[in-house]
């Protein structure tokens, strides 16, 4: 069993930066594909970014491309989301998710961390 815990959320002014962390308990963290999602009030959860376990490739939603960066430190069982040039529309609860098989549903989800960007 793997548990994911996000941290690093908070209140920031537009144009500012935050770095979110997602720490995984358990073993074999390096084998998991790690994603970040977000959910704004009254909206559906949406994909933000993905980091492959196999080749380190990344994918980003168009809305965050060029502003957000996903990375991981397998020695610390942690995936990061560096968010720069934040906009009010980035306000949401951010979740990390993990899975081994990209063709299967996500195996694990974190509880989320709130990011609020003021204008």
N, C-alpha and C. Protein backbone atom coordinates (compact mmCIF):
# COMPACT_ATOMS: atom_id res chain seq x y z
N UNK A 1 0.85 -1.20 0.00
CA UNK A 1 0.00 0.00 0.00
C UNK A 1 0.89 1.24 0.00
N UNK A 2 0.51 2.20 -0.81
CA UNK A 2 1.24 3.46 -0.90
C UNK A 2 0.33 4.57 -0.47
N UNK A 3 0.86 5.48 0.32
CA UNK A 3 0.12 6.68 0.70
C UNK A 3 0.84 7.89 0.13
N UNK A 4 0.06 8.83 -0.39
CA UNK A 4 0.59 10.05 -0.96
C UNK A 4 0.14 11.23 -0.11
N UNK A 5 1.06 12.12 0.18
CA UNK A 5 0.73 13.30 0.98
C UNK A 5 1.30 14.53 0.30
N UNK A 6 0.39 15.44 -0.08
CA UNK A 6 0.80 16.70 -0.70
C UNK A 6 1.02 17.77 0.36
N UNK A 7 1.87 18.71 0.03
CA UNK A 7 2.09 19.88 0.87
C UNK A 7 2.61 21.01 0.00
N UNK A 8 2.66 22.20 0.60
CA UNK A 8 3.22 23.34 -0.11
C UNK A 8 2.21 24.32 -0.65
N UNK A 9 0.94 23.99 -0.52
CA UNK A 9 -0.08 24.92 -0.98
C UNK A 9 -0.15 26.15 -0.10
N UNK A 10 -0.92 27.13 -0.56
CA UNK A 10 -1.08 28.35 0.22
C UNK A 10 -1.67 29.46 -0.60
N UNK A 11 -1.57 30.66 -0.07
CA UNK A 11 -2.10 31.85 -0.72
C UNK A 11 -0.93 32.63 -1.30
N UNK A 12 -1.05 32.99 -2.56
CA UNK A 12 0.01 33.74 -3.25
C UNK A 12 -0.63 34.75 -4.18
N UNK A 13 0.07 35.85 -4.41
CA UNK A 13 -0.43 36.85 -5.35
C UNK A 13 -0.17 36.41 -6.78
N UNK A 14 -0.96 36.91 -7.68
CA UNK A 14 -0.77 36.63 -9.10
C UNK A 14 0.66 37.02 -9.50
N UNK A 15 1.27 36.16 -10.29
CA UNK A 15 2.66 36.37 -10.69
C UNK A 15 3.66 35.70 -9.79
N UNK A 16 3.20 35.22 -8.65
CA UNK A 16 4.08 34.58 -7.69
C UNK A 16 4.33 33.11 -8.01
N UNK A 17 5.04 32.46 -7.10
CA UNK A 17 5.42 31.06 -7.29
C UNK A 17 5.13 30.24 -6.04
N UNK A 18 4.90 28.97 -6.26
CA UNK A 18 4.78 27.99 -5.19
C UNK A 18 5.41 26.70 -5.66
N UNK A 19 5.90 25.92 -4.71
CA UNK A 19 6.35 24.58 -5.04
C UNK A 19 5.60 23.58 -4.19
N UNK A 20 4.87 22.71 -4.86
CA UNK A 20 4.14 21.65 -4.17
C UNK A 20 5.01 20.41 -4.10
N UNK A 21 4.83 19.67 -3.03
CA UNK A 21 5.52 18.40 -2.85
C UNK A 21 4.50 17.30 -2.63
N UNK A 22 4.84 16.12 -3.07
CA UNK A 22 4.01 14.93 -2.85
C UNK A 22 4.95 13.82 -2.40
N UNK A 23 4.83 13.46 -1.15
CA UNK A 23 5.70 12.42 -0.59
C UNK A 23 4.93 11.10 -0.56
N UNK A 24 5.59 10.05 -1.03
CA UNK A 24 4.98 8.73 -1.08
C UNK A 24 5.58 7.82 -0.02
N UNK A 25 4.72 7.13 0.68
CA UNK A 25 5.20 6.10 1.59
C UNK A 25 5.31 4.80 0.83
N UNK A 26 5.95 3.83 1.40
CA UNK A 26 6.04 2.53 0.76
C UNK A 26 7.24 2.42 -0.18
N UNK A 27 7.32 1.29 -0.82
CA UNK A 27 8.47 1.00 -1.66
C UNK A 27 8.13 1.17 -3.14
N UNK A 28 9.15 1.04 -3.94
CA UNK A 28 9.00 1.03 -5.41
C UNK A 28 8.46 2.34 -5.95
N UNK A 29 8.74 3.45 -5.28
CA UNK A 29 8.26 4.75 -5.75
C UNK A 29 8.78 5.03 -7.16
N UNK A 30 9.98 4.63 -7.43
CA UNK A 30 10.58 4.96 -8.73
C UNK A 30 9.86 4.29 -9.89
N UNK A 31 9.07 3.29 -9.63
CA UNK A 31 8.35 2.59 -10.69
C UNK A 31 7.00 3.22 -11.01
N UNK A 32 6.60 4.22 -10.25
CA UNK A 32 5.29 4.83 -10.45
C UNK A 32 5.36 6.03 -11.39
N UNK A 33 4.42 6.05 -12.30
CA UNK A 33 4.17 7.26 -13.07
C UNK A 33 3.44 8.22 -12.15
N UNK A 34 3.90 9.45 -12.09
CA UNK A 34 3.33 10.42 -11.17
C UNK A 34 2.66 11.55 -11.94
N UNK A 35 1.46 11.89 -11.51
CA UNK A 35 0.68 12.96 -12.13
C UNK A 35 0.26 13.98 -11.08
N UNK A 36 0.00 15.17 -11.56
CA UNK A 36 -0.68 16.19 -10.76
C UNK A 36 -2.00 16.53 -11.46
N UNK A 37 -3.04 16.62 -10.65
CA UNK A 37 -4.34 17.07 -11.10
C UNK A 37 -4.75 18.26 -10.23
N UNK A 38 -5.79 18.95 -10.65
CA UNK A 38 -6.34 20.02 -9.82
C UNK A 38 -7.85 20.09 -10.01
N UNK A 39 -8.50 20.62 -9.00
CA UNK A 39 -9.94 20.79 -9.07
C UNK A 39 -10.31 22.13 -8.47
N UNK A 40 -10.88 22.98 -9.31
CA UNK A 40 -11.34 24.29 -8.88
C UNK A 40 -12.78 24.18 -8.40
N UNK A 41 -13.23 25.11 -7.57
CA UNK A 41 -14.61 25.06 -7.06
C UNK A 41 -15.61 25.02 -8.20
N UNK A 42 -16.53 24.07 -8.13
CA UNK A 42 -17.58 23.97 -9.12
C UNK A 42 -17.14 23.38 -10.45
N UNK A 43 -15.90 22.92 -10.52
CA UNK A 43 -15.40 22.35 -11.78
C UNK A 43 -14.94 20.91 -11.57
N UNK A 44 -14.79 20.21 -12.68
CA UNK A 44 -14.31 18.85 -12.61
C UNK A 44 -12.79 18.83 -12.41
N UNK A 45 -12.32 17.72 -11.87
CA UNK A 45 -10.89 17.56 -11.71
C UNK A 45 -10.24 17.52 -13.09
N UNK A 46 -9.11 18.21 -13.24
CA UNK A 46 -8.45 18.26 -14.53
C UNK A 46 -6.98 17.90 -14.40
N UNK A 47 -6.47 17.32 -15.48
CA UNK A 47 -5.07 16.93 -15.55
C UNK A 47 -4.19 18.18 -15.63
N UNK A 48 -3.06 18.14 -14.92
CA UNK A 48 -2.11 19.24 -14.96
C UNK A 48 -0.81 18.81 -15.63
N UNK A 49 -0.21 17.73 -15.12
CA UNK A 49 1.07 17.30 -15.65
C UNK A 49 1.37 15.87 -15.26
N UNK A 50 2.27 15.23 -16.02
CA UNK A 50 2.63 13.84 -15.80
C UNK A 50 4.13 13.66 -15.96
N UNK A 51 4.70 12.78 -15.14
CA UNK A 51 6.11 12.43 -15.23
C UNK A 51 6.23 10.92 -15.30
N UNK A 52 6.76 10.47 -16.41
CA UNK A 52 6.90 9.02 -16.63
C UNK A 52 7.97 8.44 -15.70
N UNK A 53 7.74 7.19 -15.30
CA UNK A 53 8.74 6.49 -14.49
C UNK A 53 9.82 5.88 -15.36
N UNK A 54 9.46 5.51 -16.59
CA UNK A 54 10.37 4.74 -17.42
C UNK A 54 11.45 5.60 -18.07
N UNK A 55 11.04 6.72 -18.67
CA UNK A 55 12.03 7.50 -19.42
C UNK A 55 12.11 8.95 -18.99
N UNK A 56 11.35 9.31 -17.95
CA UNK A 56 11.41 10.68 -17.46
C UNK A 56 10.70 11.69 -18.33
N UNK A 57 9.93 11.22 -19.30
CA UNK A 57 9.23 12.16 -20.17
C UNK A 57 8.09 12.84 -19.40
N UNK A 58 7.74 14.02 -19.86
CA UNK A 58 6.71 14.80 -19.19
C UNK A 58 5.63 15.24 -20.17
N UNK A 59 4.46 15.49 -19.64
CA UNK A 59 3.35 16.08 -20.39
C UNK A 59 2.72 17.17 -19.53
N UNK A 60 2.26 18.20 -20.17
CA UNK A 60 1.64 19.32 -19.46
C UNK A 60 0.34 19.73 -20.15
N UNK A 61 -0.62 20.13 -19.34
CA UNK A 61 -1.81 20.75 -19.90
C UNK A 61 -1.40 22.07 -20.54
N UNK A 62 -2.09 22.44 -21.60
CA UNK A 62 -1.75 23.67 -22.31
C UNK A 62 -1.83 24.89 -21.38
N UNK A 63 -2.73 24.83 -20.43
CA UNK A 63 -2.95 25.97 -19.55
C UNK A 63 -1.77 26.25 -18.62
N UNK A 64 -0.89 25.26 -18.42
CA UNK A 64 0.23 25.45 -17.50
C UNK A 64 1.58 25.33 -18.19
N UNK A 65 1.57 24.99 -19.46
CA UNK A 65 2.81 24.78 -20.18
C UNK A 65 3.66 26.05 -20.15
N UNK A 66 4.93 25.88 -19.84
CA UNK A 66 5.84 27.02 -19.76
C UNK A 66 5.87 27.70 -18.41
N UNK A 67 4.92 27.35 -17.54
CA UNK A 67 4.86 27.98 -16.21
C UNK A 67 5.09 26.96 -15.09
N UNK A 68 4.64 25.73 -15.29
CA UNK A 68 4.76 24.68 -14.28
C UNK A 68 5.82 23.68 -14.71
N UNK A 69 6.49 23.10 -13.71
CA UNK A 69 7.49 22.07 -13.98
C UNK A 69 7.34 20.94 -12.97
N UNK A 70 7.24 19.72 -13.47
CA UNK A 70 7.17 18.55 -12.61
C UNK A 70 8.55 17.90 -12.54
N UNK A 71 8.89 17.41 -11.37
CA UNK A 71 10.17 16.72 -11.20
C UNK A 71 10.01 15.72 -10.06
N UNK A 72 10.99 14.86 -9.93
CA UNK A 72 10.92 13.85 -8.86
C UNK A 72 12.30 13.61 -8.29
N UNK A 73 12.31 13.20 -7.03
CA UNK A 73 13.53 12.78 -6.36
C UNK A 73 13.23 11.39 -5.79
N UNK A 74 13.66 10.37 -6.48
CA UNK A 74 13.33 9.01 -6.06
C UNK A 74 13.97 8.65 -4.72
N UNK A 75 15.10 9.25 -4.42
CA UNK A 75 15.75 8.98 -3.14
C UNK A 75 14.91 9.47 -1.96
N UNK A 76 14.07 10.49 -2.23
CA UNK A 76 13.21 11.06 -1.19
C UNK A 76 11.76 10.65 -1.37
N UNK A 77 11.50 9.77 -2.34
CA UNK A 77 10.11 9.35 -2.62
C UNK A 77 9.18 10.55 -2.81
N UNK A 78 9.66 11.54 -3.53
CA UNK A 78 8.93 12.80 -3.64
C UNK A 78 8.84 13.26 -5.08
N UNK A 79 7.67 13.76 -5.44
CA UNK A 79 7.48 14.43 -6.71
C UNK A 79 7.12 15.88 -6.41
N UNK A 80 7.62 16.79 -7.23
CA UNK A 80 7.42 18.20 -7.02
C UNK A 80 6.64 18.81 -8.18
N UNK A 81 5.98 19.91 -7.87
CA UNK A 81 5.35 20.72 -8.90
C UNK A 81 5.75 22.16 -8.63
N UNK A 82 6.66 22.66 -9.45
CA UNK A 82 7.07 24.06 -9.36
C UNK A 82 6.12 24.89 -10.20
N UNK A 83 5.47 25.85 -9.57
CA UNK A 83 4.48 26.66 -10.26
C UNK A 83 4.93 28.11 -10.25
N UNK A 84 5.18 28.64 -11.41
CA UNK A 84 5.62 30.03 -11.57
C UNK A 84 4.57 30.84 -12.31
N UNK A 85 4.68 32.13 -12.23
CA UNK A 85 3.77 33.03 -12.93
C UNK A 85 2.32 32.64 -12.69
N UNK A 86 2.00 32.43 -11.44
CA UNK A 86 0.67 31.95 -11.10
C UNK A 86 -0.41 32.97 -11.45
N UNK A 87 -1.56 32.44 -11.83
CA UNK A 87 -2.71 33.24 -12.22
C UNK A 87 -3.89 32.90 -11.31
N UNK A 88 -4.83 33.82 -11.17
CA UNK A 88 -6.01 33.50 -10.35
C UNK A 88 -6.73 32.24 -10.81
N UNK A 89 -6.70 31.95 -12.09
CA UNK A 89 -7.36 30.74 -12.59
C UNK A 89 -6.63 29.46 -12.23
N UNK A 90 -5.45 29.57 -11.63
CA UNK A 90 -4.76 28.38 -11.11
C UNK A 90 -5.28 27.98 -9.73
N UNK A 91 -6.13 28.80 -9.16
CA UNK A 91 -6.69 28.49 -7.84
C UNK A 91 -7.47 27.18 -7.90
N UNK A 92 -7.08 26.25 -7.03
CA UNK A 92 -7.69 24.92 -7.03
C UNK A 92 -7.08 24.10 -5.90
N UNK A 93 -7.68 22.95 -5.66
CA UNK A 93 -7.04 21.93 -4.84
C UNK A 93 -6.21 21.06 -5.77
N UNK A 94 -4.94 20.90 -5.42
CA UNK A 94 -4.02 20.14 -6.26
C UNK A 94 -3.78 18.76 -5.64
N UNK A 95 -3.88 17.75 -6.49
CA UNK A 95 -3.74 16.36 -6.06
C UNK A 95 -2.61 15.69 -6.83
N UNK A 96 -1.85 14.86 -6.15
CA UNK A 96 -0.92 14.00 -6.87
C UNK A 96 -1.55 12.60 -6.96
N UNK A 97 -1.14 11.88 -7.99
CA UNK A 97 -1.67 10.54 -8.23
C UNK A 97 -0.55 9.66 -8.77
N UNK A 98 -0.64 8.38 -8.48
CA UNK A 98 0.41 7.46 -8.88
C UNK A 98 -0.18 6.19 -9.48
N UNK A 99 0.48 5.67 -10.47
CA UNK A 99 0.10 4.38 -11.04
C UNK A 99 1.32 3.76 -11.70
N UNK A 100 1.28 2.44 -11.76
CA UNK A 100 2.38 1.71 -12.39
C UNK A 100 2.11 1.53 -13.88
N UNK A 101 0.87 1.15 -14.17
CA UNK A 101 0.50 0.85 -15.56
C UNK A 101 -0.25 2.04 -16.15
N UNK A 102 0.30 2.71 -17.14
CA UNK A 102 -0.39 3.88 -17.71
C UNK A 102 -1.71 3.55 -18.39
N UNK A 103 -1.97 2.28 -18.63
CA UNK A 103 -3.22 1.87 -19.27
C UNK A 103 -4.28 1.45 -18.26
N UNK A 104 -3.99 1.63 -16.99
CA UNK A 104 -4.91 1.25 -15.93
C UNK A 104 -5.26 2.49 -15.12
N UNK A 105 -6.35 2.43 -14.35
CA UNK A 105 -6.70 3.57 -13.48
C UNK A 105 -5.58 3.86 -12.48
N UNK A 106 -5.63 5.06 -11.92
CA UNK A 106 -4.64 5.42 -10.94
C UNK A 106 -4.75 4.52 -9.72
N UNK A 107 -3.57 4.14 -9.21
CA UNK A 107 -3.55 3.25 -8.05
C UNK A 107 -3.75 4.03 -6.75
N UNK A 108 -3.18 5.22 -6.69
CA UNK A 108 -3.19 5.96 -5.43
C UNK A 108 -3.39 7.46 -5.69
N UNK A 109 -4.07 8.10 -4.74
CA UNK A 109 -4.30 9.55 -4.78
C UNK A 109 -3.94 10.14 -3.43
N UNK A 110 -3.47 11.38 -3.48
CA UNK A 110 -3.27 12.12 -2.24
C UNK A 110 -4.55 12.80 -1.81
N UNK A 111 -4.47 13.50 -0.68
CA UNK A 111 -5.67 14.14 -0.13
C UNK A 111 -5.86 15.56 -0.66
N UNK A 112 -4.83 16.08 -1.31
CA UNK A 112 -4.92 17.40 -1.92
C UNK A 112 -4.35 18.51 -1.06
N UNK A 113 -3.93 19.58 -1.73
CA UNK A 113 -3.44 20.77 -1.05
C UNK A 113 -4.01 21.99 -1.77
N UNK A 114 -4.48 22.95 -1.01
CA UNK A 114 -5.16 24.11 -1.58
C UNK A 114 -4.16 25.15 -2.06
N UNK A 115 -4.36 25.61 -3.28
CA UNK A 115 -3.59 26.73 -3.84
C UNK A 115 -4.57 27.84 -4.17
N UNK A 116 -4.33 29.02 -3.63
CA UNK A 116 -5.18 30.17 -3.89
C UNK A 116 -4.31 31.30 -4.42
N UNK A 117 -4.69 31.79 -5.59
CA UNK A 117 -3.93 32.87 -6.22
C UNK A 117 -4.82 34.11 -6.25
N UNK A 118 -4.38 35.15 -5.59
CA UNK A 118 -5.17 36.39 -5.53
C UNK A 118 -4.75 37.33 -6.65
N UNK A 119 -5.71 38.11 -7.11
CA UNK A 119 -5.42 39.04 -8.21
C UNK A 119 -4.97 40.39 -7.70
